[in-house]
């Protein structure tokens, strides 16, 4: 479906004693990529929250194929898997500086009403912007 590329430079603090990006940092990389993915459609995550729409993560899965290291620029390819309903699902491919796939991932987020804390359908204005 709709894909976007994000670039993240690995900071020293994100690496472990072996000089490799610690697996705990990958969730942040995916969040950066999702926020940029939304921005390409003129959607601000901050504005969604101000409108009372939250997007908590329901599930997240990773497969680590190769390591990433300090000072490397990673390319994160974020793809919407299908038209969002109550859930919005993404797949990710993370590439190293040699353009090798080093990690694959997926996330499922749920649209949630910030006041009631109940799931809700994807807002119509968002579906229209995504053209789905």
Protein backbone atom coordinates (compact mmCIF):
# COMPACT_ATOMS: atom_id res chain seq x y z
CA UNK A 1 0.00 0.00 0.00
CA UNK A 2 1.50 3.34 1.05
CA UNK A 3 5.22 3.37 1.87
CA UNK A 4 7.54 6.02 3.29
CA UNK A 5 11.29 6.08 3.92
CA UNK A 6 12.80 7.54 7.09
CA UNK A 7 16.49 7.91 7.89
CA UNK A 8 17.91 7.61 11.41
CA UNK A 9 21.55 8.02 12.42
CA UNK A 10 22.60 5.63 15.19
CA UNK A 11 23.79 7.49 18.28
CA UNK A 12 26.54 6.14 20.55
CA UNK A 13 24.14 5.88 23.50
CA UNK A 14 21.97 3.44 21.51
CA UNK A 15 24.75 0.85 21.32
CA UNK A 16 25.63 -1.82 23.84
CA UNK A 17 29.00 -3.00 25.14
CA UNK A 18 29.54 -4.92 21.89
CA UNK A 19 29.13 -1.73 19.83
CA UNK A 20 25.81 -2.92 18.39
CA UNK A 21 22.46 -1.14 18.58
CA UNK A 22 20.62 -2.54 21.59
CA UNK A 23 17.35 -4.21 20.57
CA UNK A 24 15.36 -1.95 22.91
CA UNK A 25 16.06 1.05 20.65
CA UNK A 26 14.26 -0.41 17.65
CA UNK A 27 10.81 0.43 19.09
CA UNK A 28 11.85 4.11 19.07
CA UNK A 29 13.06 3.83 15.47
CA UNK A 30 9.66 2.46 14.44
CA UNK A 31 7.89 5.29 16.29
CA UNK A 32 10.00 7.89 14.47
CA UNK A 33 9.15 6.19 11.18
CA UNK A 34 5.39 6.03 11.92
CA UNK A 35 5.24 9.71 12.86
CA UNK A 36 7.04 10.64 9.61
CA UNK A 37 4.76 8.26 7.69
CA UNK A 38 1.71 10.17 9.01
CA UNK A 39 3.32 13.55 8.31
CA UNK A 40 3.65 12.76 4.61
CA UNK A 41 -0.17 12.90 4.50
CA UNK A 42 -0.32 16.16 6.44
CA UNK A 43 -1.33 14.40 9.67
CA UNK A 44 0.28 15.47 12.93
CA UNK A 45 0.36 12.89 15.70
CA UNK A 46 0.21 15.77 18.17
CA UNK A 47 -2.96 17.09 16.49
CA UNK A 48 -4.53 13.62 16.63
CA UNK A 49 -3.97 13.59 20.38
CA UNK A 50 -5.34 17.14 20.70
CA UNK A 51 -8.47 15.87 18.91
CA UNK A 52 -8.80 13.12 21.54
CA UNK A 53 -7.48 10.31 19.35
CA UNK A 54 -4.81 8.04 20.80
CA UNK A 55 -2.90 5.27 19.01
CA UNK A 56 -1.52 2.83 21.58
CA UNK A 57 0.60 -0.05 20.33
CA UNK A 58 -1.27 -3.35 20.49
CA UNK A 59 1.50 -5.58 19.20
CA UNK A 60 5.06 -5.30 17.91
CA UNK A 61 7.26 -7.97 16.33
CA UNK A 62 10.90 -7.92 15.23
CA UNK A 63 13.28 -10.18 13.35
CA UNK A 64 16.91 -9.13 13.76
CA UNK A 65 18.93 -10.33 10.76
CA UNK A 66 22.12 -8.25 10.95
CA UNK A 67 23.48 -5.77 13.51
CA UNK A 68 23.46 -1.99 13.25
CA UNK A 69 26.38 -0.02 14.66
CA UNK A 70 27.25 3.45 15.92
CA UNK A 71 27.20 6.29 13.38
CA UNK A 72 25.43 4.22 10.71
CA UNK A 73 22.52 5.83 8.89
CA UNK A 74 19.61 3.42 8.84
CA UNK A 75 16.83 3.58 6.27
CA UNK A 76 13.44 2.55 7.62
CA UNK A 77 10.83 1.66 5.04
CA UNK A 78 7.34 1.87 6.59
CA UNK A 79 4.36 0.37 4.76
CA UNK A 80 0.67 0.50 5.62
CA UNK A 81 -0.59 -3.07 5.23
CA UNK A 82 -4.26 -2.32 4.52
CA UNK A 83 -6.94 0.31 5.02
CA UNK A 84 -7.23 1.14 8.72
CA UNK A 85 -10.42 0.37 10.58
CA UNK A 86 -10.16 0.13 14.39
CA UNK A 87 -6.58 -1.02 13.94
CA UNK A 88 -3.80 0.35 11.79
CA UNK A 89 -1.08 -2.11 10.79
CA UNK A 90 2.40 -1.42 9.48
CA UNK A 91 5.33 -3.46 8.26
CA UNK A 92 8.89 -2.20 8.35
CA UNK A 93 12.19 -3.01 6.70
CA UNK A 94 15.31 -1.50 8.21
CA UNK A 95 18.36 -1.24 5.96
CA UNK A 96 21.98 -0.58 6.93
CA UNK A 97 24.36 1.76 5.10
CA UNK A 98 25.15 -1.04 2.60
CA UNK A 99 21.41 -1.21 1.77
CA UNK A 100 21.14 -4.68 3.34
CA UNK A 101 17.96 -5.55 5.24
CA UNK A 102 19.04 -5.83 8.86
CA UNK A 103 15.65 -5.96 10.60
CA UNK A 104 12.05 -6.62 9.68
CA UNK A 105 9.22 -5.61 11.97
CA UNK A 106 5.49 -5.13 12.23
CA UNK A 107 3.20 -3.16 14.51
CA UNK A 108 -0.51 -3.04 15.17
CA UNK A 109 -1.92 0.11 16.77
CA UNK A 110 -5.49 0.69 17.90
CA UNK A 111 -7.45 3.91 17.51
CA UNK A 112 -8.64 4.84 20.99
CA UNK A 113 -10.89 7.61 22.30
CA UNK A 114 -8.71 9.52 24.79
CA UNK A 115 -11.66 10.29 27.08
CA UNK A 116 -13.40 6.91 27.24
CA UNK A 117 -10.24 4.81 26.68
CA UNK A 118 -12.36 2.68 24.33
CA UNK A 119 -11.41 1.55 20.82
CA UNK A 120 -12.87 3.61 17.99
CA UNK A 121 -12.96 3.49 14.21
CA UNK A 122 -10.32 5.26 12.18
CA UNK A 123 -11.42 8.90 11.94
CA UNK A 124 -12.95 9.68 8.58
CA UNK A 125 -10.67 12.67 7.98
CA UNK A 126 -7.65 10.39 8.40
CA UNK A 127 -9.02 7.75 6.03
CA UNK A 128 -9.68 10.51 3.48
CA UNK A 129 -6.11 11.86 3.80
CA UNK A 130 -4.75 8.34 3.38
CA UNK A 131 -7.04 7.95 0.38
CA UNK A 132 -8.12 4.46 1.46
